[in-house]
Amino acid sequence: MPLTGSTRALLNRFLSNEDGSVSIEAAIMTPLMIGLLAVTFVYNDAFRKKSLNTNAAFTISDAISRETDAIDDTYLNGMHDLFDFLTHSADRSGVRFSLLTWDNTIEDYRIDWSEVRGMFDPLDADNMNLLRNRLPNLLHNERVIVVETRSILQPILPNLGLDNQVIYNLAFSRPRFAPQIVWNGS
């Protein structure tokens, strides 16, 4: 349907009109801008917490790899406290410390020892199946320290597309100054 002359003139006048009301535009755009800013803030904080958890897991793994003396419950409790401090977790966290050895005869990892603090179950054959593909290739009788961490991510502003989530990290390192890390706990 072709436009008539008067309809075309009205349409051109409407499209070329630059008059407006700032208060109406502000009323429309302000909630949108505040909402976008809030969502950006929530997701930025979530990525910051994920990064803190990753760095804390590698820090703890590296600290354990440098030990030459036997470690005990007090040492691991201190490492869990360190994790909480670095990540600001406040008792909503867990750390599993394990020392694994690769055995060529059975072509699998052996669990030398495994200790947990917080939200974890001890490492057993079932848990080992979940880890196996994430662990490095080792030589016969070579050991690896595995530190797994968990903490709860609670978004600063709820209901903005991000619910409570568990942040899980896995860090591993080889013992540096001794052939193995000796467990001397109860």
Protein backbone atom coordinates (compact mmCIF):
# COMPACT_ATOMS: atom_id res chain seq x y z
CA MET A 1 0.00 0.00 0.00
CA PRO A 2 1.65 3.26 -1.16
CA LEU A 3 1.87 6.20 1.22
CA THR A 4 -0.17 9.28 0.42
CA GLY A 5 1.37 12.75 0.41
CA SER A 6 -0.01 13.75 3.80
CA THR A 7 1.02 10.46 5.42
CA ARG A 8 4.52 10.77 3.97
CA ALA A 9 4.78 14.37 5.26
CA LEU A 10 3.68 13.31 8.78
CA LEU A 11 6.18 10.45 8.81
CA ASN A 12 9.05 12.68 7.64
CA ARG A 13 8.17 15.31 10.24
CA PHE A 14 8.10 12.64 13.00
CA LEU A 15 11.45 11.13 11.94
CA SER A 16 13.19 14.51 11.72
CA ASN A 17 11.84 15.79 15.04
CA GLU A 18 14.65 16.08 17.58
CA ASP A 19 12.63 17.42 20.48
CA GLY A 20 12.46 15.18 23.54
CA SER A 21 12.25 15.09 27.25
CA VAL A 22 15.38 14.28 29.24
CA SER A 23 13.36 13.18 32.24
CA ILE A 24 11.50 10.55 30.22
CA GLU A 25 14.71 9.29 28.61
CA ALA A 26 16.38 9.15 32.03
CA ALA A 27 13.43 7.27 33.51
CA ILE A 28 13.75 4.68 30.76
CA MET A 29 17.54 4.32 30.71
CA THR A 30 18.46 4.63 34.41
CA PRO A 31 16.99 1.28 35.55
CA LEU A 32 18.56 -0.41 32.54
CA MET A 33 22.00 1.07 33.28
CA ILE A 34 21.77 0.22 36.99
CA GLY A 35 20.74 -3.34 36.15
CA LEU A 36 23.62 -3.80 33.71
CA LEU A 37 26.05 -2.36 36.24
CA ALA A 38 24.79 -4.75 38.95
CA VAL A 39 25.06 -7.81 36.68
CA THR A 40 28.58 -6.78 35.64
CA PHE A 41 29.57 -6.35 39.28
CA VAL A 42 28.19 -9.79 40.28
CA TYR A 43 29.95 -11.64 37.44
CA ASN A 44 33.20 -9.74 37.96
CA ASP A 45 33.14 -10.72 41.64
CA ALA A 46 32.47 -14.36 40.74
CA PHE A 47 35.48 -14.47 38.42
CA ARG A 48 37.60 -12.77 41.10
CA LYS A 49 36.62 -15.43 43.65
CA LYS A 50 37.35 -18.22 41.17
CA SER A 51 40.79 -16.73 40.57
CA LEU A 52 41.44 -16.43 44.32
CA ASN A 53 40.52 -20.10 44.79
CA THR A 54 42.76 -21.24 41.95
CA ASN A 55 45.73 -19.25 43.22
CA ALA A 56 45.20 -20.47 46.79
CA ALA A 57 45.12 -24.13 45.66
CA PHE A 58 48.41 -23.74 43.77
CA THR A 59 49.97 -21.85 46.69
CA ILE A 60 49.12 -24.65 49.12
CA SER A 61 50.30 -27.34 46.71
CA ASP A 62 53.59 -25.52 46.22
CA ALA A 63 54.08 -25.01 49.96
CA ILE A 64 53.58 -28.73 50.65
CA SER A 65 55.94 -29.66 47.81
CA ARG A 66 58.77 -27.79 49.56
CA GLU A 67 58.44 -29.67 52.87
CA THR A 68 61.31 -31.95 53.91
CA ASP A 69 59.96 -32.83 57.36
CA ALA A 70 56.95 -35.02 58.03
CA ILE A 71 53.66 -33.15 58.03
CA ASP A 72 50.90 -33.69 60.56
CA ASP A 73 47.37 -32.63 61.50
CA THR A 74 48.53 -29.24 62.79
CA TYR A 75 50.26 -28.48 59.49
CA LEU A 76 47.22 -29.43 57.40
CA ASN A 77 44.87 -27.49 59.71
CA GLY A 78 47.12 -24.49 59.13
CA MET A 79 46.96 -25.03 55.36
CA HIS A 80 43.16 -25.14 55.53
CA ASP A 81 43.16 -21.93 57.58
CA LEU A 82 45.50 -20.39 55.00
CA PHE A 83 43.07 -21.37 52.23
CA ASP A 84 40.19 -19.75 54.12
CA PHE A 85 42.26 -16.61 54.65
CA LEU A 86 43.35 -16.34 51.02
CA THR A 87 39.86 -16.93 49.64
CA HIS A 88 37.77 -15.26 52.36
CA SER A 89 35.77 -18.51 52.62
CA ALA A 90 34.88 -18.35 56.33
CA ASP A 91 34.30 -22.06 57.05
CA ARG A 92 32.43 -22.76 53.80
CA SER A 93 35.36 -24.57 52.29
CA GLY A 94 37.18 -27.85 52.09
CA VAL A 95 40.64 -29.06 51.14
CA ARG A 96 41.75 -32.60 50.30
CA PHE A 97 45.48 -33.26 50.50
CA SER A 98 46.76 -36.44 48.84
CA LEU A 99 50.09 -37.99 47.93
CA LEU A 100 49.86 -40.36 44.97
CA THR A 101 52.43 -42.68 43.41
CA TRP A 102 52.39 -44.02 39.87
CA ASP A 103 52.95 -47.78 39.70
CA ASN A 104 53.87 -49.22 36.29
CA THR A 105 53.13 -52.80 37.37
CA ILE A 106 49.45 -52.07 37.91
CA GLU A 107 49.46 -49.06 35.54
CA ASP A 108 47.60 -46.92 38.02
CA TYR A 109 48.06 -44.48 40.86
CA ARG A 110 48.46 -45.70 44.44
CA ILE A 111 47.24 -43.55 47.27
CA ASP A 112 50.10 -43.10 49.75
CA TRP A 113 47.97 -40.97 52.05
CA SER A 114 45.02 -38.64 51.83
CA GLU A 115 43.66 -36.23 54.42
CA VAL A 116 40.66 -33.92 54.29
CA ARG A 117 39.59 -30.74 56.00
CA GLY A 118 36.09 -29.37 55.52
CA MET A 119 33.72 -30.27 52.66
CA PHE A 120 35.41 -33.39 51.28
CA ASP A 121 35.39 -37.16 51.61
CA PRO A 122 38.72 -38.97 51.88
CA LEU A 123 40.24 -40.07 48.58
CA ASP A 124 39.30 -43.67 47.80
CA ALA A 125 39.05 -45.86 44.70
CA ASP A 126 35.73 -44.26 43.61
CA ASN A 127 37.06 -40.72 43.93
CA MET A 128 40.28 -41.79 42.25
CA ASN A 129 38.32 -42.76 39.12
CA LEU A 130 37.09 -39.17 38.85
CA LEU A 131 40.64 -37.79 39.20
CA ARG A 132 42.57 -40.21 37.02
CA ASN A 133 42.14 -38.34 33.73
CA ARG A 134 43.10 -35.00 35.28
CA LEU A 135 46.43 -36.16 36.74
CA PRO A 136 49.80 -35.90 34.99
CA ASN A 137 51.73 -38.75 33.42
CA LEU A 138 54.43 -39.95 35.79
CA LEU A 139 57.36 -42.33 35.78
CA HIS A 140 57.39 -45.57 37.78
CA ASN A 141 57.33 -44.80 41.54
CA GLU A 142 57.16 -41.06 40.94
CA ARG A 143 54.99 -39.15 43.40
CA VAL A 144 52.65 -36.20 43.00
CA ILE A 145 51.02 -34.01 45.62
CA VAL A 146 47.37 -33.38 44.81
CA VAL A 147 45.49 -30.55 46.50
CA GLU A 148 41.77 -30.25 45.80
CA THR A 149 39.80 -27.29 47.09
CA ARG A 150 36.14 -26.41 47.34
CA SER A 151 34.38 -23.30 48.49
CA ILE A 152 30.90 -21.91 48.16
CA LEU A 153 30.38 -18.91 45.91
CA GLN A 154 27.54 -16.78 47.18
CA PRO A 155 26.78 -13.92 44.77
CA ILE A 156 26.81 -10.45 46.30
CA LEU A 157 23.45 -9.61 44.76
CA PRO A 158 21.09 -12.60 44.47
CA ASN A 159 18.67 -13.19 41.59
CA LEU A 160 20.87 -11.68 38.88
CA GLY A 161 21.47 -14.86 36.93
CA LEU A 162 24.02 -16.44 39.28
CA ASP A 163 23.08 -18.85 42.06
CA ASN A 164 25.20 -20.30 44.86
CA GLN A 165 27.87 -22.50 43.29
CA VAL A 166 30.70 -24.72 44.44
CA ILE A 167 34.10 -23.60 43.20
CA TYR A 168 36.34 -26.64 42.75
CA ASN A 169 40.05 -26.58 41.96
CA LEU A 170 42.70 -29.23 41.53
CA ALA A 171 46.38 -28.40 41.85
CA PHE A 172 49.28 -30.81 41.77
CA SER A 173 53.02 -30.59 42.11
CA ARG A 174 55.96 -32.91 42.60
CA PRO A 175 57.88 -33.02 45.87
CA ARG A 176 60.85 -30.68 45.36
CA PHE A 177 63.47 -31.40 47.99
CA ALA A 178 62.58 -34.91 49.16
CA PRO A 179 61.46 -38.04 47.32
CA GLN A 180 58.15 -37.97 49.11
CA ILE A 181 56.11 -36.03 51.64
CA VAL A 182 55.80 -38.12 54.80
CA TRP A 183 52.52 -38.14 56.71
CA ASN A 184 52.96 -38.21 60.48
CA GLY A 185 49.38 -37.75 61.59
CA SER A 186 46.91 -39.74 63.60
